[in-house]
Every structure is written in structure tokens, then in C-alpha cells.
Amino acid sequence: MAKSSKPSPPKTAKIKANRARRRVLRLARRLAVQKEKAERSERHAAVDSTPRAGRPRTRRASRR
């Protein structure tokens, strides 16, 4: 037999405040991760753009 629907509990000010706080913290964390990723990709791009010292590599070394 199907379960009957149950009304959700009333939304108290405390619950609303906690949800808002969590929302703000999630946004802050998401922005921090985005910023970190952008910085990381920038660093990696800079690493590749610098020329190698010595003779240029003509063929790749064997992986085995």
C-alpha cells in the first residue's frame, strides 16, 4: 500500500538561518575552488611556455 503524504515540519527562524548560512558557506567554498583551479591552470600554462634549457628534445624517450 502507498504511504500517505505527511506535511513537512514548520520552518522556524533557526532552520532558515542555518540553511542560509550553509548556502553562503557552500558558495564561498565553490568560489575558492574555482579560484584555486584557475591559479593552478595558470601555473601549469606558465611551466609549459618556458623554453627548455640545452638541446631541444627531438624524440620522446621510451615509456618502457
Protein backbone atom coordinates (compact mmCIF):
# COMPACT_ATOMS: atom_id res chain seq x y z
CA MET A 1 0.00 0.00 0.00
CA ALA A 2 1.26 3.52 -0.82
CA LYS A 3 2.37 5.72 2.01
CA SER A 4 0.22 8.73 2.77
CA SER A 5 1.92 12.11 2.40
CA LYS A 6 2.99 13.79 5.59
CA PRO A 7 3.19 17.58 5.95
CA SER A 8 6.69 18.97 6.33
CA PRO A 9 7.56 20.48 9.72
CA PRO A 10 7.13 24.24 10.12
CA LYS A 11 10.10 26.34 9.02
CA THR A 12 11.46 28.04 12.13
CA ALA A 13 13.73 31.09 12.10
CA LYS A 14 16.59 28.89 13.39
CA ILE A 15 16.18 26.44 10.49
CA LYS A 16 16.02 29.28 7.95
CA ALA A 17 19.13 30.92 9.41
CA ASN A 18 21.09 27.64 9.31
CA ARG A 19 20.07 26.96 5.72
CA ALA A 20 21.11 30.48 4.70
CA ARG A 21 24.43 30.03 6.49
CA ARG A 22 25.06 26.72 4.73
CA ARG A 23 24.17 28.30 1.39
CA VAL A 24 26.67 31.14 1.98
CA LEU A 25 29.40 28.70 3.06
CA ARG A 26 28.79 26.47 0.01
CA LEU A 27 29.04 29.49 -2.29
CA ALA A 28 32.29 30.62 -0.62
CA ARG A 29 33.78 27.12 -0.95
CA ARG A 30 32.73 26.88 -4.59
CA LEU A 31 34.33 30.24 -5.39
CA ALA A 32 37.52 29.27 -3.52
CA VAL A 33 37.80 26.04 -5.52
CA GLN A 34 37.20 27.92 -8.80
CA LYS A 35 39.91 30.44 -7.91
CA GLU A 36 42.34 27.69 -6.91
CA LYS A 37 41.72 25.81 -10.18
CA ALA A 38 42.25 28.98 -12.22
CA GLU A 39 45.55 29.70 -10.43
CA ARG A 40 46.66 26.10 -10.87
CA SER A 41 45.92 26.08 -14.60
CA GLU A 42 47.76 29.41 -14.95
CA ARG A 43 50.80 27.98 -13.17
CA HIS A 44 50.79 24.90 -15.37
CA ALA A 45 50.46 27.00 -18.53
CA ALA A 46 53.47 29.08 -17.43
CA VAL A 47 55.53 25.91 -16.88
CA ASP A 48 54.98 24.75 -20.48
CA SER A 49 55.58 28.12 -22.12
CA THR A 50 59.18 28.44 -20.87
CA PRO A 51 61.77 27.04 -23.32
CA ARG A 52 63.86 24.04 -22.31
CA ALA A 53 67.50 24.55 -21.39
CA GLY A 54 70.05 22.80 -23.60
CA ARG A 55 69.33 20.95 -26.83
CA PRO A 56 65.68 20.57 -27.84
CA ARG A 57 64.23 17.11 -27.45
CA THR A 58 63.84 15.54 -30.92
CA ARG A 59 62.07 12.32 -29.98
CA ARG A 60 60.26 11.10 -26.89
CA ALA A 61 62.03 8.70 -24.57
CA SER A 62 60.64 5.16 -24.45
CA ARG A 63 57.95 4.59 -21.83
CA ARG A 64 59.22 1.05 -21.13
